[in-house]
N, C-alpha and C. Protein backbone atom coordinates (compact mmCIF):
# COMPACT_ATOMS: atom_id res chain seq x y z
N GLU A 1 81.49 75.94 122.70
CA GLU A 1 80.54 76.11 122.23
C GLU A 1 80.92 76.62 120.76
N LYS A 2 80.87 77.94 121.19
CA LYS A 2 81.72 78.53 119.62
C LYS A 2 83.01 77.41 118.88
N ILE A 3 83.71 77.16 119.21
CA ILE A 3 85.09 76.35 119.01
C ILE A 3 84.14 74.72 118.41
N SER A 4 83.61 74.89 119.15
CA SER A 4 82.55 73.31 118.41
C SER A 4 81.87 72.91 117.15
N ARG A 5 81.29 74.46 116.99
CA ARG A 5 80.95 74.55 115.95
C ARG A 5 81.42 74.85 115.05
N LEU A 6 82.36 75.25 115.33
CA LEU A 6 83.24 76.25 113.73
C LEU A 6 84.07 74.32 113.83
N ALA A 7 84.51 73.75 114.96
CA ALA A 7 85.28 72.96 114.28
C ALA A 7 84.15 71.34 113.84
N HIS A 8 82.95 71.91 113.63
CA HIS A 8 81.64 70.57 112.65
C HIS A 8 81.84 71.25 111.52
N GLU A 9 81.92 72.69 111.65
CA GLU A 9 81.62 73.33 110.12
C GLU A 9 83.13 73.33 109.23
N ILE A 10 84.24 72.46 109.77
CA ILE A 10 85.66 72.39 109.38
C ILE A 10 85.54 71.41 108.84
N ARG A 11 84.88 70.22 109.41
CA ARG A 11 84.62 68.81 109.50
C ARG A 11 83.48 68.57 107.68
N ALA A 12 82.67 69.06 108.54
CA ALA A 12 81.47 69.49 107.14
C ALA A 12 81.81 69.24 105.93
N PHE A 13 82.55 71.28 105.98
CA PHE A 13 83.67 71.25 104.43
C PHE A 13 84.35 70.40 103.61
N VAL A 14 85.38 69.69 104.85
CA VAL A 14 86.41 68.81 104.41
C VAL A 14 85.58 66.98 103.95
N GLN A 15 84.57 67.42 104.78
CA GLN A 15 83.87 65.99 103.82
C GLN A 15 82.97 66.28 102.67
N GLU A 16 82.72 67.33 102.45
CA GLU A 16 81.42 68.00 101.33
C GLU A 16 82.58 68.35 100.42
N ARG A 17 83.46 69.25 100.68
CA ARG A 17 83.82 69.76 99.72
C ARG A 17 85.17 69.06 99.50
N ILE A 18 85.80 68.35 100.13
CA ILE A 18 87.47 67.76 99.49
C ILE A 18 87.08 66.77 99.12
N VAL A 19 85.79 65.95 99.93
CA VAL A 19 86.80 64.58 100.19
C VAL A 19 85.37 63.89 98.96
N GLY A 20 84.23 64.48 99.39
CA GLY A 20 83.14 64.11 97.75
C GLY A 20 82.59 63.16 98.04
N ASP A 21 82.39 62.59 96.95
CA ASP A 21 82.00 60.73 96.50
C ASP A 21 83.04 60.23 96.61
N ARG A 22 84.57 60.59 96.72
CA ARG A 22 85.36 59.51 96.32
C ARG A 22 85.13 58.70 97.33
N LEU A 23 84.75 58.89 99.08
CA LEU A 23 84.58 57.23 99.71
C LEU A 23 83.98 56.30 99.13
N GLU A 24 82.79 56.89 98.87
CA GLU A 24 82.05 55.97 97.98
C GLU A 24 82.48 54.83 96.77
N THR A 25 82.99 55.93 96.00
CA THR A 25 83.16 55.71 94.65
C THR A 25 84.89 55.10 94.25
N LEU A 26 85.97 55.34 95.38
CA LEU A 26 86.62 54.90 94.70
C LEU A 26 87.33 53.55 95.02
N SER A 27 87.50 52.02 94.45
CA SER A 27 87.82 51.31 94.51
C SER A 27 89.10 50.85 94.64
N ALA A 28 89.02 49.07 95.46
CA ALA A 28 90.48 49.07 95.64
C ALA A 28 92.06 48.89 94.23
N ASP A 29 90.93 48.61 93.23
CA ASP A 29 91.97 48.83 92.16
C ASP A 29 92.50 50.25 92.00
N ASP A 30 91.74 51.39 92.08
CA ASP A 30 91.94 52.43 91.53
C ASP A 30 93.35 53.01 92.32
N GLU A 31 94.03 53.35 91.02
CA GLU A 31 95.52 54.22 91.85
C GLU A 31 95.13 55.58 92.50
N PRO A 32 95.48 55.68 94.03
CA PRO A 32 95.19 57.15 93.94
C PRO A 32 95.91 58.15 93.69
N GLN A 33 94.76 59.35 93.35
CA GLN A 33 95.51 60.10 92.44
C GLN A 33 95.87 61.75 93.32
N ASP A 34 95.82 61.32 94.84
CA ASP A 34 95.97 62.57 95.40
C ASP A 34 95.69 62.22 96.98
N TYR A 35 96.28 62.76 97.93
CA TYR A 35 96.79 62.16 98.96
C TYR A 35 95.20 61.92 99.83
N VAL A 36 94.00 62.80 99.35
CA VAL A 36 92.82 62.39 100.00
C VAL A 36 92.71 60.70 99.62
N GLU A 37 92.64 60.29 98.12
CA GLU A 37 92.49 58.90 97.73
C GLU A 37 93.38 58.10 98.66
N SER A 38 94.23 58.36 98.76
CA SER A 38 95.62 57.52 99.23
C SER A 38 94.95 57.11 100.92
N LEU A 39 94.07 58.51 101.74
CA LEU A 39 93.73 57.96 102.35
C LEU A 39 91.94 57.42 102.88
N ILE A 40 91.57 57.37 102.05
CA ILE A 40 90.60 56.30 101.65
C ILE A 40 90.83 55.05 101.62
N LYS A 41 92.21 55.03 100.63
CA LYS A 41 92.60 53.82 100.77
C LYS A 41 92.86 52.66 101.86
N GLN A 42 93.20 54.10 102.37
CA GLN A 42 94.06 52.85 103.82
C GLN A 42 93.21 52.45 104.76
N VAL A 43 92.07 53.55 104.43
CA VAL A 43 90.77 53.07 105.48
C VAL A 43 90.36 51.98 105.09
N LYS A 44 90.09 52.83 103.86
CA LYS A 44 88.57 51.58 103.06
C LYS A 44 89.21 49.61 102.85
N TYR A 45 90.37 49.89 103.01
CA TYR A 45 91.07 48.77 101.98
C TYR A 45 91.84 48.00 103.54
N GLY A 46 92.40 48.54 104.04
CA GLY A 46 93.62 48.73 104.63
C GLY A 46 95.13 48.36 104.42
N GLY A 47 95.64 48.25 105.29
CA GLY A 47 97.42 48.39 104.81
C GLY A 47 97.60 48.69 106.79
N GLU A 48 98.73 48.73 106.80
CA GLU A 48 99.43 48.97 108.05
C GLU A 48 100.24 50.22 108.00
N PRO A 49 99.65 51.19 108.88
CA PRO A 49 98.76 51.08 110.37
C PRO A 49 97.79 51.12 109.81
N ALA A 50 96.67 50.23 110.70
CA ALA A 50 95.29 50.30 110.47
C ALA A 50 95.05 52.29 111.00
N LEU A 51 93.82 52.26 110.01
CA LEU A 51 93.88 53.81 110.20
C LEU A 51 91.85 53.91 110.05
N SER A 52 91.38 54.58 111.19
CA SER A 52 89.78 54.80 111.32
C SER A 52 89.41 56.36 109.95
N TRP A 53 88.43 56.09 109.78
CA TRP A 53 87.96 57.61 108.90
C TRP A 53 88.36 58.45 109.83
N ASN A 54 87.90 58.82 111.13
CA ASN A 54 87.70 59.65 111.76
C ASN A 54 88.94 60.36 111.76
N THR A 55 90.53 59.06 112.11
CA THR A 55 91.73 59.89 112.09
C THR A 55 92.53 59.74 111.02
N ALA A 56 92.07 59.53 110.05
CA ALA A 56 92.32 59.83 108.38
C ALA A 56 91.36 61.25 108.29
N LEU A 57 90.52 61.59 108.61
CA LEU A 57 89.59 63.10 108.61
C LEU A 57 90.57 64.01 109.41
N PHE A 58 91.16 64.02 110.50
CA PHE A 58 92.15 64.36 111.34
C PHE A 58 93.31 65.01 110.70
N ALA A 59 93.91 63.80 109.52
CA ALA A 59 95.32 64.18 109.50
C ALA A 59 95.04 64.98 108.27
N LEU A 60 93.72 64.77 107.55
CA LEU A 60 93.18 65.75 106.60
C LEU A 60 93.35 67.23 106.72
N GLU A 61 92.96 67.08 107.98
CA GLU A 61 92.25 68.66 108.48
C GLU A 61 93.65 69.42 108.90
N ASP A 62 94.43 68.36 109.40
CA ASP A 62 95.95 68.76 110.00
C ASP A 62 96.87 69.72 108.70
N ILE A 63 96.70 68.88 107.50
CA ILE A 63 97.47 68.65 106.17
C ILE A 63 96.56 70.12 105.61
N ILE A 64 95.32 69.92 105.66
CA ILE A 64 94.59 71.87 105.16
C ILE A 64 95.08 72.76 105.83
N GLY A 65 95.19 72.70 107.06
CA GLY A 65 95.66 73.44 108.39
C GLY A 65 97.30 74.38 107.92
N GLY A 66 98.23 73.43 107.23
CA GLY A 66 99.40 73.38 106.99
C GLY A 66 99.51 74.11 105.59
N HIS A 67 98.59 74.39 104.67
CA HIS A 67 98.44 75.35 104.00
C HIS A 67 99.93 76.08 103.60
N SER A 68 99.84 77.18 104.58
CA SER A 68 100.50 78.29 104.27
C SER A 68 101.97 77.68 104.50
N ALA A 69 102.53 76.68 104.99
CA ALA A 69 103.56 76.03 104.49
C ALA A 69 104.17 75.63 103.50
N VAL A 70 102.53 75.17 102.97
CA VAL A 70 102.99 74.10 101.56
C VAL A 70 103.25 75.19 101.04
N ALA A 71 102.26 76.52 100.87
CA ALA A 71 102.49 77.63 99.72
C ALA A 71 104.34 78.11 100.00
N ASN A 72 104.48 78.29 101.16
CA ASN A 72 105.88 78.82 101.58
C ASN A 72 107.09 77.68 100.86
N PHE A 73 106.60 76.43 100.73
CA PHE A 73 107.79 75.33 100.13
C PHE A 73 107.41 75.53 98.59
N LEU A 74 106.56 75.86 98.27
CA LEU A 74 105.97 76.10 96.58
C LEU A 74 106.75 77.19 96.05
N VAL A 75 106.81 78.11 96.82
CA VAL A 75 107.00 79.25 96.49
C VAL A 75 108.99 79.34 96.52
N LYS A 76 109.30 78.79 97.58
CA LYS A 76 110.49 78.94 97.58
C LYS A 76 111.76 77.68 96.35
N ALA A 77 110.38 76.71 96.28
CA ALA A 77 111.38 75.63 95.13
C ALA A 77 110.70 76.22 93.74
N LEU A 78 109.69 76.97 93.75
CA LEU A 78 109.97 77.21 92.19
C LEU A 78 110.90 78.68 92.19
N ALA A 79 111.06 78.96 93.09
CA ALA A 79 112.30 80.58 93.29
C ALA A 79 113.57 79.23 92.66
N PHE A 80 113.88 78.33 93.29
CA PHE A 80 115.32 77.53 93.12
C PHE A 80 114.78 76.65 92.05
N LEU A 81 113.91 76.82 91.55
CA LEU A 81 113.98 76.03 90.10
C LEU A 81 113.79 76.78 89.10
N VAL A 82 113.26 78.09 89.16
CA VAL A 82 113.83 79.25 88.81
C VAL A 82 115.36 79.79 87.73
N LYS A 83 115.98 79.62 89.02
CA LYS A 83 117.75 79.79 88.94
C LYS A 83 118.50 78.58 88.48
N GLU A 84 118.01 77.35 88.53
CA GLU A 84 118.72 76.33 88.12
C GLU A 84 117.86 75.78 86.20
N PRO A 85 117.85 76.04 85.80
CA PRO A 85 117.74 76.33 84.03
C PRO A 85 117.41 74.58 84.47
N GLU A 86 119.31 73.66 84.59
CA GLU A 86 119.30 72.42 83.61
C GLU A 86 118.73 71.33 85.11
N VAL A 87 118.46 71.65 85.99
CA VAL A 87 117.53 71.37 87.38
C VAL A 87 116.44 71.36 87.14
N GLN A 88 115.91 72.01 85.69
CA GLN A 88 114.57 71.41 85.45
C GLN A 88 114.45 71.03 84.48
N GLU A 89 115.61 70.80 83.69
CA GLU A 89 115.22 69.93 82.63
C GLU A 89 115.16 68.39 83.04
N ARG A 90 116.21 68.18 84.40
CA ARG A 90 116.07 66.59 83.93
C ARG A 90 114.99 66.62 85.06
N ILE A 91 114.59 67.32 86.12
CA ILE A 91 113.16 66.87 86.30
C ILE A 91 112.21 66.62 85.34
N GLN A 92 112.36 67.54 84.59
CA GLN A 92 111.16 67.40 83.59
C GLN A 92 111.30 66.19 82.66
N ALA A 93 112.61 65.14 82.33
CA ALA A 93 112.69 64.78 81.87
C ALA A 93 112.58 62.96 82.56
N GLU A 94 112.91 63.05 83.59
CA GLU A 94 112.51 62.04 84.54
C GLU A 94 110.82 61.68 84.24
N ILE A 95 109.92 62.87 84.53
CA ILE A 95 108.72 62.82 84.46
C ILE A 95 108.11 62.30 83.25
N ASP A 96 109.01 62.85 82.25
CA ASP A 96 108.34 62.39 80.81
C ASP A 96 108.28 61.24 80.84
N SER A 97 109.79 60.69 80.76
CA SER A 97 109.95 59.49 81.06
C SER A 97 109.41 57.98 81.43
N THR A 98 109.14 58.69 82.74
CA THR A 98 108.42 58.28 84.07
C THR A 98 106.72 57.84 83.15
N THR A 99 105.97 59.31 82.66
CA THR A 99 104.91 59.14 82.27
C THR A 99 104.50 59.14 81.29
N SER A 100 105.45 58.59 80.45
CA SER A 100 104.98 58.30 78.75
C SER A 100 104.27 57.10 78.52
N LEU A 101 103.45 57.39 77.94
CA LEU A 101 102.57 56.33 77.27
C LEU A 101 102.86 56.16 75.89
N GLY A 102 103.81 56.46 75.02
CA GLY A 102 104.14 56.47 73.55
C GLY A 102 103.58 57.32 72.64
N ASN A 103 103.62 57.49 71.38
CA ASN A 103 102.75 58.67 70.62
C ASN A 103 102.93 59.65 70.88
N ASN A 104 103.76 60.42 72.07
CA ASN A 104 103.38 61.82 72.44
C ASN A 104 102.37 61.98 73.28
N THR A 105 102.17 60.89 74.09
CA THR A 105 101.26 61.34 75.19
C THR A 105 101.40 60.88 76.75
N TRP A 106 101.27 61.37 77.77
CA TRP A 106 101.50 61.22 78.78
C TRP A 106 100.22 61.21 79.53
N ARG A 107 100.48 60.58 80.52
CA ARG A 107 99.69 60.26 81.85
C ARG A 107 100.28 61.07 83.36
N LYS A 108 98.99 61.67 83.83
CA LYS A 108 99.14 62.08 85.19
C LYS A 108 100.32 61.55 85.83
N VAL A 109 101.26 62.29 86.72
CA VAL A 109 101.62 62.00 87.75
C VAL A 109 101.36 61.29 88.93
N CYS A 110 101.69 60.02 89.42
CA CYS A 110 101.14 59.47 90.55
C CYS A 110 102.04 59.34 91.56
N ILE A 111 101.13 59.33 93.08
CA ILE A 111 102.26 58.87 94.22
C ILE A 111 102.84 58.43 94.15
N SER A 112 102.75 57.01 93.34
CA SER A 112 103.91 55.65 93.32
C SER A 112 104.52 56.09 92.43
N ASP A 113 104.56 57.07 91.32
CA ASP A 113 105.92 57.24 90.26
C ASP A 113 106.99 57.28 91.59
N ARG A 114 106.76 58.41 92.51
CA ARG A 114 107.95 58.82 93.43
C ARG A 114 109.37 57.67 92.98
N ASN A 115 109.25 56.38 93.37
CA ASN A 115 110.18 55.94 93.08
C ASN A 115 111.33 55.72 91.93
N MET A 116 110.40 56.31 90.84
CA MET A 116 110.65 55.90 89.60
C MET A 116 111.50 57.18 89.11
N MET A 117 111.41 57.98 90.12
CA MET A 117 111.74 59.34 90.00
C MET A 117 112.64 60.05 91.19
N PRO A 118 114.03 59.51 91.44
CA PRO A 118 115.27 59.75 92.56
C PRO A 118 115.54 61.31 92.48
N TYR A 119 115.56 61.55 91.03
CA TYR A 119 116.32 63.18 91.08
C TYR A 119 115.08 64.24 91.21
N THR A 120 113.72 63.85 91.12
CA THR A 120 113.29 64.71 91.33
C THR A 120 112.43 65.23 92.95
N GLU A 121 112.23 63.43 92.91
CA GLU A 121 112.69 63.49 95.22
C GLU A 121 113.71 63.76 95.86
N GLY A 122 114.70 63.70 95.24
CA GLY A 122 115.73 64.31 95.25
C GLY A 122 116.23 65.77 95.59
N THR A 123 115.61 66.57 95.09
CA THR A 123 115.62 67.96 94.57
C THR A 123 114.37 68.42 95.42
N VAL A 124 113.24 67.65 95.60
CA VAL A 124 112.34 68.09 96.37
C VAL A 124 113.12 67.76 98.29
N PHE A 125 113.77 66.90 98.28
CA PHE A 125 114.07 67.21 99.52
C PHE A 125 115.58 67.87 100.21
N GLU A 126 116.40 68.83 98.77
CA GLU A 126 117.37 69.65 99.32
C GLU A 126 116.26 71.19 98.99
N VAL A 127 115.44 71.07 98.23
CA VAL A 127 114.50 72.36 98.64
C VAL A 127 114.02 72.57 100.30
N ILE A 128 113.66 71.13 100.85
CA ILE A 128 113.33 71.49 102.27
C ILE A 128 114.36 71.58 103.00
N ARG A 129 115.40 70.98 102.62
CA ARG A 129 116.72 71.03 103.57
C ARG A 129 117.13 73.02 103.03
N MET A 130 116.90 73.14 102.51
CA MET A 130 117.58 74.70 102.27
C MET A 130 116.42 75.41 103.15
N ILE A 131 115.42 75.12 103.08
CA ILE A 131 113.94 76.21 103.81
C ILE A 131 113.97 76.05 105.19
N ALA A 132 114.56 74.84 104.96
CA ALA A 132 114.61 74.43 107.04
C ALA A 132 114.76 75.49 107.97
N SER A 133 113.68 75.73 108.97
CA SER A 133 113.99 76.88 110.47
C SER A 133 115.56 76.76 110.22
N ALA A 134 115.78 78.31 110.78
CA ALA A 134 117.17 78.09 110.95
C ALA A 134 117.18 78.50 112.65
N ILE A 135 116.18 78.70 113.04
CA ILE A 135 115.48 78.27 114.50
C ILE A 135 116.01 77.08 115.40
N VAL A 136 115.35 75.94 114.73
CA VAL A 136 116.17 74.88 115.07
C VAL A 136 117.71 74.64 114.39
N PRO A 137 118.61 74.03 114.97
CA PRO A 137 119.96 73.90 114.64
C PRO A 137 120.68 72.85 113.99
N ARG A 138 121.36 72.65 113.29
CA ARG A 138 121.59 71.79 112.48
C ARG A 138 122.75 71.32 113.26
N VAL A 139 122.69 70.16 113.92
CA VAL A 139 124.03 69.80 114.16
C VAL A 139 124.46 68.58 113.90
N SER A 140 126.12 67.82 114.27
CA SER A 140 126.41 66.54 113.42
C SER A 140 125.75 65.69 114.84
N ASN A 141 124.86 63.99 114.55
CA ASN A 141 124.41 63.72 115.55
C ASN A 141 125.71 62.50 116.23
N GLN A 142 127.09 62.29 115.03
CA GLN A 142 128.63 61.68 115.97
C GLN A 142 129.34 62.09 115.38
N ASN A 143 130.30 61.71 115.45
CA ASN A 143 131.77 62.01 115.26
C ASN A 143 131.56 61.59 113.76
N SER A 144 132.48 62.61 113.18
CA SER A 144 132.51 62.17 111.61
C SER A 144 133.49 63.43 110.87
N SER A 145 133.62 62.65 109.69
CA SER A 145 134.22 63.82 108.92
C SER A 145 133.66 64.20 107.56
N VAL A 146 134.10 65.40 106.73
CA VAL A 146 133.68 65.67 105.25
C VAL A 146 134.75 66.32 104.81
N ASN A 147 134.97 65.66 103.79
CA ASN A 147 136.00 66.39 102.31
C ASN A 147 137.52 66.00 103.95
N GLY A 148 137.96 65.71 104.62
CA GLY A 148 138.46 65.39 105.61
C GLY A 148 138.98 66.26 106.50
N ARG A 149 137.43 67.13 107.22
CA ARG A 149 137.20 68.26 107.97
C ARG A 149 136.76 67.21 109.04
N CYS A 150 137.31 66.95 110.18
CA CYS A 150 136.82 66.62 111.50
C CYS A 150 135.65 67.30 111.47
N MET A 151 134.25 66.65 112.26
CA MET A 151 132.83 67.22 112.63
C MET A 151 132.87 66.61 114.11
N ASP A 152 132.65 66.90 115.02
CA ASP A 152 132.63 66.46 116.30
C ASP A 152 131.43 66.49 116.39
N GLN A 153 130.99 65.48 117.41
CA GLN A 153 129.14 65.56 117.60
C GLN A 153 128.93 66.28 117.99
N LEU A 154 127.26 66.75 117.93
CA LEU A 154 127.02 67.99 118.39
C LEU A 154 127.70 69.32 117.86
N MET A 155 128.19 69.43 116.43
CA MET A 155 129.30 70.70 116.57
C MET A 155 127.69 71.19 115.51
N LYS A 156 127.75 72.67 114.91
CA LYS A 156 126.66 73.14 114.50
C LYS A 156 127.45 73.56 113.03
N LEU A 157 126.38 72.69 112.24
CA LEU A 157 126.46 72.81 110.76
C LEU A 157 126.00 73.88 109.94
N PRO A 158 127.00 73.86 109.06
CA PRO A 158 126.33 75.60 108.33
C PRO A 158 124.96 75.27 107.80
N GLY A 159 124.39 76.04 107.09
CA GLY A 159 122.85 76.01 106.51
C GLY A 159 123.44 75.40 105.04
């Protein structure tokens, strides 16, 4: 009974404080500004895969539940960027060129900008690779070679 009550409280919090009135006010033409709005558009206006509002809320609750992993990722990403000023500069230049409205004005970065920012996306993937758990071993999935060195299938790879 206590678990059920807590689950209902969490659901109410998500709907009231995170979703708010966006479920009713977001139109099909609006560009999603965050993950919540992307979920709302998927549910309200369709797309593949089809998604019910209940499933969308479960996904959102899982994302919120993973906040410590996200915070850890952000700390590691910022620590990496602090040590790599040239990477900071390239990311900033890519963001500026993607979001510039001219006359020294810029719009916010949107999820749909991702395809126009390959260096930034690659940096995010590299940080994920660097902080991937050492518990999960990295192994090659087929015979290959890197810089002339033979890599047999299932060979453990360095982190």
